[in-house]
Amino acid sequence: MIHDVFEDPNDGGRPPYEIYLAALAGGYFFERARVGSLAVLERG
């Protein structure tokens, strides 16, 4: 789980979003659910 995942930099900090993108880009994780700014990833 990664909290404070905001796509728009005006909504929040960038580091959580960048970690989120790196996890998805690596191909090892996929997004299981998204609730507000909380992204739930699962290893695939």
Protein backbone atom coordinates (compact mmCIF):
# COMPACT_ATOMS: atom_id res chain seq x y z
CA MET A 1 0.00 0.00 0.00
CA ILE A 2 1.20 3.47 -0.83
CA HIS A 3 -0.49 6.46 0.76
CA ASP A 4 -0.65 10.03 -0.59
CA VAL A 5 -0.50 9.01 -4.25
CA PHE A 6 -1.47 12.20 -6.08
CA GLU A 7 -1.16 12.41 -9.87
CA ASP A 8 -1.44 16.20 -9.81
CA PRO A 9 1.53 17.82 -8.00
CA ASN A 10 -0.78 20.59 -6.78
CA ASP A 11 -2.68 18.03 -4.71
CA GLY A 12 0.28 16.61 -2.78
CA GLY A 13 3.90 15.54 -2.76
CA ARG A 14 5.54 13.71 -5.63
CA PRO A 15 7.69 10.99 -3.95
CA PRO A 16 4.79 8.58 -3.21
CA TYR A 17 3.49 8.97 -6.78
CA GLU A 18 6.95 8.38 -8.23
CA ILE A 19 7.36 5.20 -6.14
CA TYR A 20 3.93 4.07 -7.32
CA LEU A 21 4.88 4.62 -10.98
CA ALA A 22 8.21 2.81 -10.55
CA ALA A 23 6.48 -0.19 -8.95
CA LEU A 24 4.03 -0.46 -11.85
CA ALA A 25 6.66 0.14 -14.52
CA GLY A 26 8.86 -2.64 -13.16
CA GLY A 27 6.16 -5.16 -14.03
CA TYR A 28 6.29 -6.82 -10.62
CA PHE A 29 3.17 -5.13 -9.23
CA PHE A 30 -0.30 -4.26 -10.47
CA GLU A 31 -2.89 -1.99 -8.95
CA ARG A 32 -5.42 -3.98 -6.94
CA ALA A 33 -7.52 -1.05 -5.69
CA ARG A 34 -7.49 2.70 -5.24
CA VAL A 35 -9.31 4.50 -2.44
CA GLY A 36 -8.73 8.23 -2.51
CA SER A 37 -4.98 8.74 -2.32
CA LEU A 38 -4.32 5.18 -1.11
CA ALA A 39 -3.08 2.80 -3.81
CA VAL A 40 -3.14 -0.91 -3.08
CA LEU A 41 -0.63 -2.85 -5.16
CA GLU A 42 -0.27 -6.60 -5.45
CA ARG A 43 2.76 -8.48 -6.59
CA GLY A 44 1.97 -10.28 -9.78
